[in-house]
N, C-alpha and C. Protein backbone atom coordinates (compact mmCIF):
# COMPACT_ATOMS: atom_id res chain seq x y z
N MET A 1 1.91 -0.59 -10.14
CA MET A 1 0.68 -0.45 -9.40
C MET A 1 -0.40 0.00 -10.38
N ASN A 2 -1.52 -0.68 -10.35
CA ASN A 2 -2.59 -0.36 -11.28
C ASN A 2 -3.63 0.57 -10.64
N ARG A 3 -4.64 0.90 -11.41
CA ARG A 3 -5.67 1.84 -10.95
C ARG A 3 -6.43 1.30 -9.74
N LEU A 4 -6.72 0.01 -9.74
CA LEU A 4 -7.41 -0.60 -8.61
C LEU A 4 -6.59 -0.47 -7.33
N ASP A 5 -5.30 -0.77 -7.43
CA ASP A 5 -4.41 -0.63 -6.27
C ASP A 5 -4.42 0.81 -5.76
N HIS A 6 -4.35 1.76 -6.68
CA HIS A 6 -4.37 3.18 -6.30
C HIS A 6 -5.65 3.53 -5.56
N ASP A 7 -6.78 3.08 -6.11
CA ASP A 7 -8.07 3.39 -5.50
C ASP A 7 -8.19 2.76 -4.11
N VAL A 8 -7.68 1.55 -3.96
CA VAL A 8 -7.70 0.88 -2.65
C VAL A 8 -6.82 1.63 -1.66
N CYS A 9 -5.66 2.07 -2.09
CA CYS A 9 -4.77 2.85 -1.22
C CYS A 9 -5.44 4.15 -0.79
N MET A 10 -6.10 4.81 -1.72
CA MET A 10 -6.78 6.07 -1.39
C MET A 10 -7.86 5.82 -0.33
N ALA A 11 -8.68 4.80 -0.55
CA ALA A 11 -9.77 4.52 0.39
C ALA A 11 -9.22 4.13 1.77
N ALA A 12 -8.20 3.30 1.79
CA ALA A 12 -7.63 2.87 3.07
C ALA A 12 -6.96 4.04 3.79
N ALA A 13 -6.23 4.86 3.05
CA ALA A 13 -5.57 6.02 3.66
C ALA A 13 -6.60 6.99 4.22
N GLN A 14 -7.70 7.16 3.50
CA GLN A 14 -8.78 8.03 3.99
C GLN A 14 -9.38 7.48 5.28
N ALA A 15 -9.65 6.17 5.31
CA ALA A 15 -10.25 5.55 6.49
C ALA A 15 -9.31 5.66 7.69
N ILE A 16 -8.04 5.41 7.47
CA ILE A 16 -7.06 5.50 8.56
C ILE A 16 -6.96 6.94 9.06
N THR A 17 -6.92 7.88 8.13
CA THR A 17 -6.82 9.29 8.49
C THR A 17 -8.04 9.72 9.31
N GLU A 18 -9.22 9.27 8.91
CA GLU A 18 -10.42 9.62 9.65
C GLU A 18 -10.39 9.08 11.08
N MET A 19 -9.74 7.94 11.28
CA MET A 19 -9.64 7.38 12.63
C MET A 19 -8.78 8.23 13.56
N VAL A 20 -7.71 8.80 13.00
CA VAL A 20 -6.77 9.56 13.85
C VAL A 20 -6.94 11.06 13.74
N ALA A 21 -7.78 11.52 12.82
CA ALA A 21 -7.96 12.97 12.60
C ALA A 21 -8.31 13.74 13.87
N PRO A 22 -9.15 13.19 14.76
CA PRO A 22 -9.46 13.96 15.98
C PRO A 22 -8.23 14.23 16.86
N LEU A 23 -7.18 13.46 16.66
CA LEU A 23 -5.97 13.62 17.47
C LEU A 23 -4.97 14.59 16.84
N LEU A 24 -5.25 15.02 15.61
CA LEU A 24 -4.32 15.85 14.86
C LEU A 24 -4.80 17.28 14.73
N ARG A 25 -3.84 18.19 14.56
CA ARG A 25 -4.17 19.56 14.22
C ARG A 25 -4.59 19.59 12.75
N GLU A 26 -5.33 20.59 12.37
CA GLU A 26 -5.86 20.69 11.00
C GLU A 26 -4.75 20.57 9.95
N GLU A 27 -3.62 21.24 10.18
CA GLU A 27 -2.54 21.20 9.20
C GLU A 27 -1.82 19.85 9.15
N GLU A 28 -1.99 19.02 10.16
CA GLU A 28 -1.35 17.72 10.19
C GLU A 28 -2.16 16.63 9.47
N ILE A 29 -3.43 16.88 9.26
CA ILE A 29 -4.30 15.86 8.68
C ILE A 29 -3.85 15.51 7.25
N ARG A 30 -3.60 16.48 6.41
CA ARG A 30 -3.16 16.23 5.03
C ARG A 30 -1.81 15.52 5.03
N GLU A 31 -0.91 15.96 5.92
CA GLU A 31 0.41 15.33 6.00
C GLU A 31 0.27 13.86 6.41
N PHE A 32 -0.59 13.58 7.37
CA PHE A 32 -0.79 12.20 7.81
C PHE A 32 -1.38 11.36 6.68
N PHE A 33 -2.36 11.94 5.96
CA PHE A 33 -2.95 11.21 4.83
C PHE A 33 -1.88 10.82 3.82
N ASN A 34 -1.00 11.77 3.49
CA ASN A 34 0.07 11.49 2.53
C ASN A 34 1.00 10.40 3.03
N LEU A 35 1.32 10.42 4.32
CA LEU A 35 2.16 9.37 4.90
C LEU A 35 1.47 8.01 4.84
N ALA A 36 0.19 7.98 5.18
CA ALA A 36 -0.56 6.72 5.16
C ALA A 36 -0.63 6.19 3.72
N PHE A 37 -0.94 7.06 2.77
CA PHE A 37 -1.03 6.66 1.37
C PHE A 37 0.31 6.11 0.88
N GLY A 38 1.39 6.81 1.18
CA GLY A 38 2.72 6.36 0.76
C GLY A 38 3.08 5.02 1.35
N THR A 39 2.71 4.80 2.60
CA THR A 39 2.98 3.52 3.24
C THR A 39 2.20 2.39 2.60
N LEU A 40 0.93 2.63 2.34
CA LEU A 40 0.09 1.62 1.69
C LEU A 40 0.56 1.34 0.26
N GLU A 41 0.95 2.38 -0.43
CA GLU A 41 1.46 2.21 -1.79
C GLU A 41 2.74 1.37 -1.78
N ALA A 42 3.64 1.65 -0.86
CA ALA A 42 4.88 0.88 -0.74
C ALA A 42 4.58 -0.58 -0.41
N MET A 43 3.57 -0.81 0.42
CA MET A 43 3.19 -2.18 0.78
C MET A 43 2.74 -2.94 -0.47
N LEU A 44 1.90 -2.33 -1.30
CA LEU A 44 1.41 -3.01 -2.49
C LEU A 44 2.52 -3.21 -3.53
N ILE A 45 3.42 -2.27 -3.63
CA ILE A 45 4.55 -2.43 -4.55
C ILE A 45 5.42 -3.59 -4.10
N LYS A 46 5.69 -3.67 -2.81
CA LYS A 46 6.48 -4.79 -2.28
C LYS A 46 5.75 -6.11 -2.49
N ARG A 47 4.43 -6.13 -2.30
CA ARG A 47 3.63 -7.34 -2.55
C ARG A 47 3.81 -7.79 -4.00
N ASP A 48 3.74 -6.86 -4.94
CA ASP A 48 3.90 -7.20 -6.35
C ASP A 48 5.29 -7.78 -6.63
N GLU A 49 6.32 -7.19 -6.02
CA GLU A 49 7.68 -7.72 -6.18
C GLU A 49 7.79 -9.13 -5.66
N LEU A 50 7.24 -9.38 -4.46
CA LEU A 50 7.31 -10.71 -3.87
C LEU A 50 6.51 -11.73 -4.67
N LEU A 51 5.35 -11.33 -5.17
CA LEU A 51 4.55 -12.23 -6.01
C LEU A 51 5.29 -12.59 -7.30
N LYS A 52 5.93 -11.61 -7.91
CA LYS A 52 6.68 -11.86 -9.13
C LYS A 52 7.82 -12.84 -8.86
N ARG A 53 8.54 -12.63 -7.77
CA ARG A 53 9.65 -13.52 -7.40
C ARG A 53 9.12 -14.93 -7.11
N GLU A 54 8.00 -15.03 -6.43
CA GLU A 54 7.41 -16.33 -6.10
C GLU A 54 6.96 -17.05 -7.36
N ARG A 55 6.36 -16.34 -8.28
CA ARG A 55 5.92 -16.96 -9.55
C ARG A 55 7.11 -17.45 -10.36
N GLN A 56 8.19 -16.69 -10.37
CA GLN A 56 9.39 -17.13 -11.08
C GLN A 56 9.98 -18.37 -10.44
N ARG A 57 10.02 -18.38 -9.12
CA ARG A 57 10.56 -19.53 -8.41
C ARG A 57 9.74 -20.78 -8.66
N LEU A 58 8.42 -20.65 -8.60
CA LEU A 58 7.55 -21.81 -8.78
C LEU A 58 7.46 -22.24 -10.25
N GLY A 59 7.79 -21.34 -11.16
CA GLY A 59 7.69 -21.67 -12.57
C GLY A 59 8.90 -22.44 -13.10
N ARG A 60 10.00 -22.50 -12.33
CA ARG A 60 11.18 -23.21 -12.77
C ARG A 60 11.01 -24.71 -12.64
N PRO A 61 11.60 -25.47 -13.54
CA PRO A 61 11.54 -26.93 -13.42
C PRO A 61 12.29 -27.41 -12.19
N SER A 62 11.86 -28.49 -11.63
CA SER A 62 12.47 -29.07 -10.44
C SER A 62 13.83 -29.67 -10.76
N ASP A 63 14.73 -29.68 -9.78
CA ASP A 63 16.03 -30.32 -9.96
C ASP A 63 15.95 -31.82 -9.78
N ASN A 64 14.83 -32.33 -9.33
CA ASN A 64 14.68 -33.77 -9.09
C ASN A 64 14.53 -34.56 -10.35
């Protein structure tokens, strides 16, 4: 994960947290932010894995 991915995760986690913050107690807000950030980070890591696999698959010569 690069710096851009990290910054995007931070911004998205902040936006999501702000949407649900009124429903949370003060001590739950930081915990929710960390959960949201971790989920977004895992999503981008999985995306990178799938892209790498797809590029390898498409880069192989055809059996035809």
